[in-house]
Amino acid sequence: MPELYDRVVQTCLAPGRKFVPVFLQLDEMNFESELITAYMHSTGIQEHLTDRGGSPKTAGDSAREVMDQLAAEVVAYADRSQLDAFQRACLAQCVGYQWYKDTPENAPSTGDITTGAGNCRHSTYLASFLHERLGTPDRMVNNGVSEMWRGIGHTFSEVNVGGLPFVMNNNLSSDALGNLCVFRFTRIWDGHNACQLFSDPILNSRYFKAYGKAWNRESDPSTGRPATFSGAARSCNSHEVTVSGPRVCTLLVRDPNGPSPARARASPEPPGVNAGSGD
């Protein structure tokens, strides 16, 4: 464990380390099976029985002592570095990935936290353990049986940041690359379908532009075609969201004077005019 601990500290808790959120569409493996998720996590059968040795909560007193010490260092680092909610979620992902990164992705394993042997399940247990300490609400999610048969069975995090849910893969190097960490979403989810502003004004001012661009460019990962979505939104860019109804076009504009919710302005929609603003 000392080698793993040192690697995490040197990589994820380095002085001046930058955590840069990147917003992308869901990967094909990131669609939830509510049935599998409920069975595996609500019953505790996955983390507390099958993978007992790979979770910081169940691996034994000596391992838990090390994990508690690591968590304390992680929280102190986040506070000292004044990390915002997105960056704190990045930090939890970084630690989960670095601790278990020596195991090939999708390798069968029940996990051993003392050696860093594990897969997506175990890196997600550790990330979730830290989300709880860092104040970034999360839940662990599984995809379905069909994905398991196809070799992309997966456990991952769903983290709520700025009032919106995002998927975080904790075992994929492409989602935790250098200073970048990936937040995945789909605009078919409630809350995302109108490309709404983040509830926290600081997060909104820092990240809405990048989120708006990702929203505009989302495509279905299985077909590559533009993703369909529910709700009234047509498109958004770094400053505005255009939504359309059968007769009117409403423009939701960011308030430059403070963190109050977006204000609405309605005007008639001329026949044949596309209300989409583009990016």
C-alpha atoms as a PDB file:
ATOM      1  CA  MET A   1       0.000   0.000   0.000  1.00  0.00           C
ATOM      2  CA  PRO A   2       2.757   2.558   0.629  1.00  0.00           C
ATOM      3  CA  GLU A   3       3.720   2.582  -3.068  1.00  0.00           C
ATOM      4  CA  LEU A   4       0.117   3.088  -4.132  1.00  0.00           C
ATOM      5  CA  TYR A   5      -0.366   5.789  -1.526  1.00  0.00           C
ATOM      6  CA  ASP A   6       2.721   7.645  -2.688  1.00  0.00           C
ATOM      7  CA  ARG A   7       1.672   7.421  -6.322  1.00  0.00           C
ATOM      8  CA  VAL A   8      -1.712   8.942  -5.537  1.00  0.00           C
ATOM      9  CA  VAL A   9      -0.185  11.763  -3.509  1.00  0.00           C
ATOM     10  CA  GLN A  10       2.463  12.568  -6.115  1.00  0.00           C
ATOM     11  CA  THR A  11      -0.003  12.455  -9.010  1.00  0.00           C
ATOM     12  CA  CYS A  12      -3.307  13.738  -7.644  1.00  0.00           C
ATOM     13  CA  LEU A  13      -2.209  15.917  -4.725  1.00  0.00           C
ATOM     14  CA  ALA A  14       0.741  17.617  -6.384  1.00  0.00           C
ATOM     15  CA  PRO A  15       1.152  21.313  -5.497  1.00  0.00           C
ATOM     16  CA  GLY A  16      -0.363  23.465  -8.213  1.00  0.00           C
ATOM     17  CA  ARG A  17      -2.048  20.487  -9.898  1.00  0.00           C
ATOM     18  CA  LYS A  18      -4.684  21.689 -12.351  1.00  0.00           C
ATOM     19  CA  PHE A  19      -7.994  19.864 -12.670  1.00  0.00           C
ATOM     20  CA  VAL A  20      -9.710  20.868 -15.911  1.00  0.00           C
ATOM     21  CA  PRO A  21     -13.271  19.570 -16.440  1.00  0.00           C
ATOM     22  CA  VAL A  22     -14.154  18.488 -19.972  1.00  0.00           C
ATOM     23  CA  PHE A  23     -17.781  17.886 -20.982  1.00  0.00           C
ATOM     24  CA  LEU A  24     -18.573  15.051 -23.384  1.00  0.00           C
ATOM     25  CA  GLN A  25     -21.512  12.882 -24.415  1.00  0.00           C
ATOM     26  CA  LEU A  26     -22.166   9.514 -22.811  1.00  0.00           C
ATOM     27  CA  ASP A  27     -20.047   6.635 -23.966  1.00  0.00           C
ATOM     28  CA  GLU A  28     -21.948   3.552 -25.124  1.00  0.00           C
ATOM     29  CA  MET A  29     -21.029   1.809 -21.860  1.00  0.00           C
ATOM     30  CA  ASN A  30     -22.491   4.624 -19.746  1.00  0.00           C
ATOM     31  CA  PHE A  31     -26.190   3.919 -20.115  1.00  0.00           C
ATOM     32  CA  GLU A  32     -27.638   2.744 -16.825  1.00  0.00           C
ATOM     33  CA  SER A  33     -29.555  -0.444 -16.174  1.00  0.00           C
ATOM     34  CA  GLU A  34     -31.840   0.568 -13.320  1.00  0.00           C
ATOM     35  CA  LEU A  35     -32.530  -3.079 -12.510  1.00  0.00           C
ATOM     36  CA  ILE A  36     -28.873  -4.140 -12.291  1.00  0.00           C
ATOM     37  CA  THR A  37     -27.952  -0.965 -10.402  1.00  0.00           C
ATOM     38  CA  ALA A  38     -30.709  -1.479  -7.846  1.00  0.00           C
ATOM     39  CA  TYR A  39     -29.845  -5.126  -7.360  1.00  0.00           C
ATOM     40  CA  MET A  40     -26.080  -4.707  -7.092  1.00  0.00           C
ATOM     41  CA  HIS A  41     -25.956  -1.563  -4.974  1.00  0.00           C
ATOM     42  CA  SER A  42     -29.199  -1.393  -3.010  1.00  0.00           C
ATOM     43  CA  THR A  43     -28.591  -4.887  -1.666  1.00  0.00           C
ATOM     44  CA  GLY A  44     -24.872  -4.254  -1.174  1.00  0.00           C
ATOM     45  CA  ILE A  45     -24.119  -7.619  -2.785  1.00  0.00           C
ATOM     46  CA  GLN A  46     -21.488  -6.212  -5.120  1.00  0.00           C
ATOM     47  CA  GLU A  47     -19.382  -3.994  -2.853  1.00  0.00           C
ATOM     48  CA  HIS A  48     -19.931  -5.689   0.498  1.00  0.00           C
ATOM     49  CA  LEU A  49     -19.870  -9.348  -0.559  1.00  0.00           C
ATOM     50  CA  THR A  50     -18.440 -10.073  -4.007  1.00  0.00           C
ATOM     51  CA  ASP A  51     -15.790  -7.334  -3.918  1.00  0.00           C
ATOM     52  CA  ARG A  52     -15.280  -7.156  -0.195  1.00  0.00           C
ATOM     53  CA  GLY A  53     -11.473  -7.006  -0.368  1.00  0.00           C
ATOM     54  CA  GLY A  54     -11.479  -4.247  -2.984  1.00  0.00           C
ATOM     55  CA  SER A  55     -13.555  -1.612  -1.203  1.00  0.00           C
ATOM     56  CA  PRO A  56     -12.243   0.869   1.372  1.00  0.00           C
ATOM     57  CA  LYS A  57     -15.395   0.291   3.428  1.00  0.00           C
ATOM     58  CA  THR A  58     -15.041  -3.494   3.760  1.00  0.00           C
ATOM     59  CA  ALA A  59     -11.385  -4.434   3.179  1.00  0.00           C
ATOM     60  CA  GLY A  60     -10.500  -4.661   6.873  1.00  0.00           C
ATOM     61  CA  ASP A  61      -9.363  -2.408   9.689  1.00  0.00           C
ATOM     62  CA  SER A  62      -5.781  -1.895   8.538  1.00  0.00           C
ATOM     63  CA  ALA A  63      -6.824  -0.986   4.997  1.00  0.00           C
ATOM     64  CA  ARG A  64      -9.589   1.266   6.286  1.00  0.00           C
ATOM     65  CA  GLU A  65      -7.091   3.098   8.475  1.00  0.00           C
ATOM     66  CA  VAL A  66      -4.937   3.830   5.428  1.00  0.00           C
ATOM     67  CA  MET A  67      -7.979   4.935   3.410  1.00  0.00           C
ATOM     68  CA  ASP A  68      -9.170   7.241   6.177  1.00  0.00           C
ATOM     69  CA  GLN A  69      -5.723   8.813   6.314  1.00  0.00           C
ATOM     70  CA  LEU A  70      -5.690   9.223   2.530  1.00  0.00           C
ATOM     71  CA  ALA A  71      -9.181  10.734   2.569  1.00  0.00           C
ATOM     72  CA  ALA A  72      -8.096  13.253   5.182  1.00  0.00           C
ATOM     73  CA  GLU A  73      -5.164  14.283   2.990  1.00  0.00           C
ATOM     74  CA  VAL A  74      -7.429  14.526  -0.046  1.00  0.00           C
ATOM     75  CA  VAL A  75      -9.924  16.793   1.731  1.00  0.00           C
ATOM     76  CA  ALA A  76      -7.149  18.967   3.190  1.00  0.00           C
ATOM     77  CA  TYR A  77      -5.625  19.335  -0.280  1.00  0.00           C
ATOM     78  CA  ALA A  78      -9.009  20.271  -1.813  1.00  0.00           C
ATOM     79  CA  ASP A  79      -9.615  22.870   0.882  1.00  0.00           C
ATOM     80  CA  ARG A  80      -6.087  24.276   0.678  1.00  0.00           C
ATOM     81  CA  SER A  81      -6.262  24.484  -3.113  1.00  0.00           C
ATOM     82  CA  GLN A  82      -9.764  26.002  -3.013  1.00  0.00           C
ATOM     83  CA  LEU A  83     -11.081  23.449  -5.485  1.00  0.00           C
ATOM     84  CA  ASP A  84     -14.629  24.001  -6.675  1.00  0.00           C
ATOM     85  CA  ALA A  85     -17.206  21.207  -6.892  1.00  0.00           C
ATOM     86  CA  PHE A  86     -16.184  20.074 -10.389  1.00  0.00           C
ATOM     87  CA  GLN A  87     -12.525  19.985  -9.415  1.00  0.00           C
ATOM     88  CA  ARG A  88     -13.297  18.032  -6.241  1.00  0.00           C
ATOM     89  CA  ALA A  89     -15.097  15.430  -8.325  1.00  0.00           C
ATOM     90  CA  CYS A  90     -12.042  15.332 -10.605  1.00  0.00           C
ATOM     91  CA  LEU A  91      -9.865  14.722  -7.568  1.00  0.00           C
ATOM     92  CA  ALA A  92     -11.968  11.748  -6.439  1.00  0.00           C
ATOM     93  CA  GLN A  93     -11.783  10.295  -9.953  1.00  0.00           C
ATOM     94  CA  CYS A  94      -8.012  10.799 -10.076  1.00  0.00           C
ATOM     95  CA  VAL A  95      -7.454   8.909  -6.826  1.00  0.00           C
ATOM     96  CA  GLY A  96      -9.716   6.016  -7.839  1.00  0.00           C
ATOM     97  CA  TYR A  97      -7.972   5.705 -11.184  1.00  0.00           C
ATOM     98  CA  GLN A  98      -4.426   5.974  -9.870  1.00  0.00           C
ATOM     99  CA  TRP A  99      -4.930   3.433  -7.092  1.00  0.00           C
ATOM    100  CA  TYR A 100      -6.205   0.711  -9.419  1.00  0.00           C
ATOM    101  CA  LYS A 101      -4.690   1.697 -12.770  1.00  0.00           C
ATOM    102  CA  ASP A 102      -2.284  -1.283 -12.986  1.00  0.00           C
ATOM    103  CA  THR A 103      -5.123  -3.740 -13.663  1.00  0.00           C
ATOM    104  CA  PRO A 104      -6.159  -4.061 -17.347  1.00  0.00           C
ATOM    105  CA  GLU A 105      -9.592  -2.660 -18.050  1.00  0.00           C
ATOM    106  CA  ASN A 106     -12.373  -5.269 -17.817  1.00  0.00           C
ATOM    107  CA  ALA A 107      -9.982  -7.794 -16.221  1.00  0.00           C
ATOM    108  CA  PRO A 108     -11.901 -10.237 -14.001  1.00  0.00           C
ATOM    109  CA  SER A 109     -11.116  -9.432 -10.382  1.00  0.00           C
ATOM    110  CA  THR A 110     -12.773  -9.407  -6.991  1.00  0.00           C
ATOM    111  CA  GLY A 111     -10.305  -6.687  -6.034  1.00  0.00           C
ATOM    112  CA  ASP A 112      -7.551  -6.288  -3.492  1.00  0.00           C
ATOM    113  CA  ILE A 113      -7.162  -2.770  -2.194  1.00  0.00           C
ATOM    114  CA  THR A 114      -3.834  -3.587  -0.548  1.00  0.00           C
ATOM    115  CA  THR A 115      -2.198  -4.382  -3.906  1.00  0.00           C
ATOM    116  CA  GLY A 116      -4.226  -2.162  -6.236  1.00  0.00           C
ATOM    117  CA  ALA A 117      -5.666  -5.160  -8.082  1.00  0.00           C
ATOM    118  CA  GLY A 118      -9.126  -4.338  -9.363  1.00  0.00           C
ATOM    119  CA  ASN A 119     -11.217  -2.947 -12.171  1.00  0.00           C
ATOM    120  CA  CYS A 120     -13.942  -0.355 -12.767  1.00  0.00           C
ATOM    121  CA  ARG A 121     -15.949  -1.572  -9.791  1.00  0.00           C
ATOM    122  CA  HIS A 122     -13.132  -1.082  -7.329  1.00  0.00           C
ATOM    123  CA  SER A 123     -11.932   2.278  -8.616  1.00  0.00           C
ATOM    124  CA  THR A 124     -15.549   3.444  -8.368  1.00  0.00           C
ATOM    125  CA  TYR A 125     -15.827   2.262  -4.751  1.00  0.00           C
ATOM    126  CA  LEU A 126     -12.781   4.330  -3.874  1.00  0.00           C
ATOM    127  CA  ALA A 127     -13.979   7.364  -5.831  1.00  0.00           C
ATOM    128  CA  SER A 128     -17.368   7.139  -4.110  1.00  0.00           C
ATOM    129  CA  PHE A 129     -15.679   6.866  -0.716  1.00  0.00           C
ATOM    130  CA  LEU A 130     -13.957  10.176  -1.478  1.00  0.00           C
ATOM    131  CA  HIS A 131     -17.006  11.869  -3.009  1.00  0.00           C
ATOM    132  CA  GLU A 132     -18.696  11.419   0.356  1.00  0.00           C
ATOM    133  CA  ARG A 133     -15.797  13.139   2.133  1.00  0.00           C
ATOM    134  CA  LEU A 134     -15.410  15.879  -0.475  1.00  0.00           C
ATOM    135  CA  GLY A 135     -19.093  16.838  -0.504  1.00  0.00           C
ATOM    136  CA  THR A 136     -19.800  15.896  -4.119  1.00  0.00           C
ATOM    137  CA  PRO A 137     -22.989  13.782  -4.034  1.00  0.00           C
ATOM    138  CA  ASP A 138     -22.689  10.604  -6.078  1.00  0.00           C
ATOM    139  CA  ARG A 139     -24.207   7.214  -6.671  1.00  0.00           C
ATOM    140  CA  MET A 140     -22.661   4.085  -8.172  1.00  0.00           C
ATOM    141  CA  VAL A 141     -24.233   2.891 -11.405  1.00  0.00           C
ATOM    142  CA  ASN A 142     -24.114  -0.312 -13.488  1.00  0.00           C
ATOM    143  CA  ASN A 143     -24.984  -0.894 -17.106  1.00  0.00           C
ATOM    144  CA  GLY A 144     -26.933  -3.932 -18.265  1.00  0.00           C
ATOM    145  CA  VAL A 145     -26.678  -7.616 -19.042  1.00  0.00           C
ATOM    146  CA  SER A 146     -26.426  -7.053 -22.802  1.00  0.00           C
ATOM    147  CA  GLU A 147     -23.353  -4.878 -22.265  1.00  0.00           C
ATOM    148  CA  MET A 148     -21.834  -7.561 -20.045  1.00  0.00           C
ATOM    149  CA  TRP A 149     -22.279 -10.152 -22.796  1.00  0.00           C
ATOM    150  CA  ARG A 150     -20.607  -7.785 -25.265  1.00  0.00           C
ATOM    151  CA  GLY A 151     -17.610  -7.261 -22.990  1.00  0.00           C
ATOM    152  CA  ILE A 152     -18.406  -3.699 -21.918  1.00  0.00           C
ATOM    153  CA  GLY A 153     -20.011  -4.447 -18.568  1.00  0.00           C
ATOM    154  CA  HIS A 154     -19.226  -1.429 -16.445  1.00  0.00           C
ATOM    155  CA  THR A 155     -19.589   0.244 -13.050  1.00  0.00           C
ATOM    156  CA  PHE A 156     -19.195   4.008 -12.894  1.00  0.00           C
ATOM    157  CA  SER A 157     -20.130   7.106 -10.898  1.00  0.00           C
ATOM    158  CA  GLU A 158     -23.014   9.480 -11.384  1.00  0.00           C
ATOM    159  CA  VAL A 159     -22.028  12.720  -9.678  1.00  0.00           C
ATOM    160  CA  ASN A 160     -24.291  15.700  -9.096  1.00  0.00           C
ATOM    161  CA  VAL A 161     -22.468  18.981  -9.666  1.00  0.00           C
ATOM    162  CA  GLY A 162     -24.095  22.380 -10.012  1.00  0.00           C
ATOM    163  CA  GLY A 163     -27.521  20.779  -9.779  1.00  0.00           C
ATOM    164  CA  LEU A 164     -26.966  18.457 -12.744  1.00  0.00           C
ATOM    165  CA  PRO A 165     -25.935  14.775 -12.931  1.00  0.00           C
ATOM    166  CA  PHE A 166     -22.793  13.728 -14.779  1.00  0.00           C
ATOM    167  CA  VAL A 167     -21.212  10.335 -15.447  1.00  0.00           C
ATOM    168  CA  MET A 168     -17.587   9.827 -14.438  1.00  0.00           C
ATOM    169  CA  ASN A 169     -15.578   6.763 -15.504  1.00  0.00           C
ATOM    170  CA  ASN A 170     -13.007   6.028 -12.834  1.00  0.00           C
ATOM    171  CA  ASN A 171     -10.899   3.392 -14.598  1.00  0.00           C
ATOM    172  CA  LEU A 172     -10.430   4.817 -18.095  1.00  0.00           C
ATOM    173  CA  SER A 173      -7.218   6.719 -18.738  1.00  0.00           C
ATOM    174  CA  SER A 174      -8.920   8.650 -21.536  1.00  0.00           C
ATOM    175  CA  ASP A 175     -11.326  10.113 -18.961  1.00  0.00           C
ATOM    176  CA  ALA A 176      -8.561  11.077 -16.524  1.00  0.00           C
ATOM    177  CA  LEU A 177      -5.863  12.242 -18.916  1.00  0.00           C
ATOM    178  CA  GLY A 178      -3.232  14.527 -17.414  1.00  0.00           C
ATOM    179  CA  ASN A 179      -4.970  17.586 -16.006  1.00  0.00           C
ATOM    180  CA  LEU A 180      -8.212  16.809 -17.847  1.00  0.00           C
ATOM    181  CA  CYS A 181     -11.134  14.914 -16.351  1.00  0.00           C
ATOM    182  CA  VAL A 182     -14.287  14.065 -18.250  1.00  0.00           C
ATOM    183  CA  PHE A 183     -17.869  14.741 -17.195  1.00  0.00           C
ATOM    184  CA  ARG A 184     -20.297  12.903 -19.459  1.00  0.00           C
ATOM    185  CA  PHE A 185     -23.978  13.716 -19.903  1.00  0.00           C
ATOM    186  CA  THR A 186     -26.852  13.410 -22.331  1.00  0.00           C
ATOM    187  CA  ARG A 187     -29.365  16.109 -23.048  1.00  0.00           C
ATOM    188  CA  ILE A 188     -32.185  13.553 -22.911  1.00  0.00           C
ATOM    189  CA  TRP A 189     -31.797  13.644 -19.117  1.00  0.00           C
ATOM    190  CA  ASP A 190     -34.115  15.935 -17.179  1.00  0.00           C
ATOM    191  CA  GLY A 191     -32.265  19.126 -16.356  1.00  0.00           C
ATOM    192  CA  HIS A 192     -29.858  18.790 -19.259  1.00  0.00           C
ATOM    193  CA  ASN A 193     -32.543  18.899 -21.938  1.00  0.00           C
ATOM    194  CA  ALA A 194     -32.813  22.685 -21.743  1.00  0.00           C
ATOM    195  CA  CYS A 195     -29.066  23.259 -21.329  1.00  0.00           C
ATOM    196  CA  GLN A 196     -29.857  25.111 -18.113  1.00  0.00           C
ATOM    197  CA  LEU A 197     -27.374  27.181 -16.191  1.00  0.00           C
ATOM    198  CA  PHE A 198     -25.556  25.656 -13.232  1.00  0.00           C
ATOM    199  CA  SER A 199     -27.156  26.414  -9.879  1.00  0.00           C
ATOM    200  CA  ASP A 200     -23.881  27.712  -8.442  1.00  0.00           C
ATOM    201  CA  PRO A 201     -23.025  31.116 -10.010  1.00  0.00           C
ATOM    202  CA  ILE A 202     -19.274  30.460  -9.684  1.00  0.00           C
ATOM    203  CA  LEU A 203     -19.559  27.139 -11.514  1.00  0.00           C
ATOM    204  CA  ASN A 204     -21.789  28.780 -14.099  1.00  0.00           C
ATOM    205  CA  SER A 205     -19.314  31.549 -14.855  1.00  0.00           C
ATOM    206  CA  ARG A 206     -16.432  29.074 -15.123  1.00  0.00           C
ATOM    207  CA  TYR A 207     -17.985  26.179 -17.011  1.00  0.00           C
ATOM    208  CA  PHE A 208     -21.222  27.073 -18.781  1.00  0.00           C
ATOM    209  CA  LYS A 209     -19.436  28.000 -22.008  1.00  0.00           C
ATOM    210  CA  ALA A 210     -17.745  24.594 -22.246  1.00  0.00           C
ATOM    211  CA  TYR A 211     -20.925  22.795 -21.210  1.00  0.00           C
ATOM    212  CA  GLY A 212     -22.986  24.736 -23.775  1.00  0.00           C
ATOM    213  CA  LYS A 213     -20.628  23.725 -26.577  1.00  0.00           C
ATOM    214  CA  ALA A 214     -20.750  20.078 -25.511  1.00  0.00           C
ATOM    215  CA  TRP A 215     -24.559  20.246 -25.385  1.00  0.00           C
ATOM    216  CA  ASN A 216     -24.688  21.524 -28.956  1.00  0.00           C
ATOM    217  CA  ARG A 217     -22.358  18.850 -30.283  1.00  0.00           C
ATOM    218  CA  GLU A 218     -23.830  15.801 -28.585  1.00  0.00           C
ATOM    219  CA  SER A 219     -24.391  12.759 -30.769  1.00  0.00           C
ATOM    220  CA  ASP A 220     -25.663   9.245 -30.155  1.00  0.00           C
ATOM    221  CA  PRO A 221     -22.562   7.160 -29.333  1.00  0.00           C
ATOM    222  CA  SER A 222     -23.988   4.067 -31.047  1.00  0.00           C
ATOM    223  CA  THR A 223     -24.863   5.785 -34.361  1.00  0.00           C
ATOM    224  CA  GLY A 224     -22.888   9.022 -34.446  1.00  0.00           C
ATOM    225  CA  ARG A 225     -26.071  10.902 -35.331  1.00  0.00           C
ATOM    226  CA  PRO A 226     -27.211  14.028 -33.456  1.00  0.00           C
ATOM    227  CA  ALA A 227     -28.887  12.935 -30.234  1.00  0.00           C
ATOM    228  CA  THR A 228     -32.617  13.333 -29.863  1.00  0.00           C
ATOM    229  CA  PHE A 229     -33.874  14.901 -26.655  1.00  0.00           C
ATOM    230  CA  SER A 230     -37.050  15.715 -24.787  1.00  0.00           C
ATOM    231  CA  GLY A 231     -38.071  19.191 -23.778  1.00  0.00           C
ATOM    232  CA  ALA A 232     -38.322  22.443 -25.690  1.00  0.00           C
ATOM    233  CA  ALA A 233     -34.681  23.449 -26.134  1.00  0.00           C
ATOM    234  CA  ARG A 234     -33.336  23.718 -29.676  1.00  0.00           C
ATOM    235  CA  SER A 235     -29.719  24.690 -29.045  1.00  0.00           C
ATOM    236  CA  CYS A 236     -27.431  26.754 -26.861  1.00  0.00           C
ATOM    237  CA  ASN A 237     -24.079  28.489 -26.971  1.00  0.00           C
ATOM    238  CA  SER A 238     -21.812  30.122 -24.408  1.00  0.00           C
ATOM    239  CA  HIS A 239     -24.257  32.944 -23.665  1.00  0.00           C
ATOM    240  CA  GLU A 240     -27.795  31.842 -24.349  1.00  0.00           C
ATOM    241  CA  VAL A 241     -30.248  29.014 -24.764  1.00  0.00           C
ATOM    242  CA  THR A 242     -32.850  29.105 -27.503  1.00  0.00           C
ATOM    243  CA  VAL A 243     -36.056  27.190 -26.860  1.00  0.00           C
ATOM    244  CA  SER A 244     -38.969  27.022 -29.228  1.00  0.00           C
ATOM    245  CA  GLY A 245     -42.651  26.318 -28.990  1.00  0.00           C
ATOM    246  CA  PRO A 246     -45.298  26.070 -31.684  1.00  0.00           C
ATOM    247  CA  ARG A 247     -45.797  29.843 -31.889  1.00  0.00           C
ATOM    248  CA  VAL A 248     -43.142  31.657 -29.874  1.00  0.00           C
ATOM    249  CA  CYS A 249     -39.399  31.643 -29.495  1.00  0.00           C
ATOM    250  CA  THR A 250     -38.090  32.301 -25.994  1.00  0.00           C
ATOM    251  CA  LEU A 251     -34.530  33.372 -25.352  1.00  0.00           C
ATOM    252  CA  LEU A 252     -33.099  32.607 -21.904  1.00  0.00           C
ATOM    253  CA  VAL A 253     -30.313  35.092 -21.246  1.00  0.00           C
ATOM    254  CA  ARG A 254     -27.630  34.991 -18.561  1.00  0.00           C
ATOM    255  CA  ASP A 255     -28.038  37.824 -16.068  1.00  0.00           C
ATOM    256  CA  PRO A 256     -24.784  39.873 -16.107  1.00  0.00           C
ATOM    257  CA  ASN A 257     -25.686  41.576 -12.818  1.00  0.00           C
ATOM    258  CA  GLY A 258     -25.749  38.592 -10.514  1.00  0.00           C
ATOM    259  CA  PRO A 259     -26.526  34.944  -9.868  1.00  0.00           C
ATOM    260  CA  SER A 260     -30.280  35.235 -10.289  1.00  0.00           C
ATOM    261  CA  PRO A 261     -31.982  32.682 -12.578  1.00  0.00           C
ATOM    262  CA  ALA A 262     -32.094  33.379 -16.281  1.00  0.00           C
ATOM    263  CA  ARG A 263     -34.751  35.827 -17.389  1.00  0.00           C
ATOM    264  CA  ALA A 264     -37.036  35.148 -20.324  1.00  0.00           C
ATOM    265  CA  ARG A 265     -37.959  37.309 -23.297  1.00  0.00           C
ATOM    266  CA  ALA A 266     -40.708  36.156 -25.643  1.00  0.00           C
ATOM    267  CA  SER A 267     -41.318  37.275 -29.206  1.00  0.00           C
ATOM    268  CA  PRO A 268     -43.354  35.975 -32.112  1.00  0.00           C
ATOM    269  CA  GLU A 269     -41.631  33.390 -34.250  1.00  0.00           C
ATOM    270  CA  PRO A 270     -41.866  34.303 -37.936  1.00  0.00           C
ATOM    271  CA  PRO A 271     -43.131  31.449 -40.133  1.00  0.00           C
ATOM    272  CA  GLY A 272     -40.366  29.240 -41.442  1.00  0.00           C
ATOM    273  CA  VAL A 273     -37.609  30.671 -39.217  1.00  0.00           C
ATOM    274  CA  ASN A 274     -35.422  28.121 -37.475  1.00  0.00           C
ATOM    275  CA  ALA A 275     -35.177  29.102 -33.829  1.00  0.00           C
ATOM    276  CA  GLY A 276     -31.890  27.266 -33.249  1.00  0.00           C
ATOM    277  CA  SER A 277     -29.045  29.607 -32.354  1.00  0.00           C
ATOM    278  CA  GLY A 278     -26.189  27.228 -33.171  1.00  0.00           C
ATOM    279  CA  ASP A 279     -22.702  27.521 -31.725  1.00  0.00           C
END
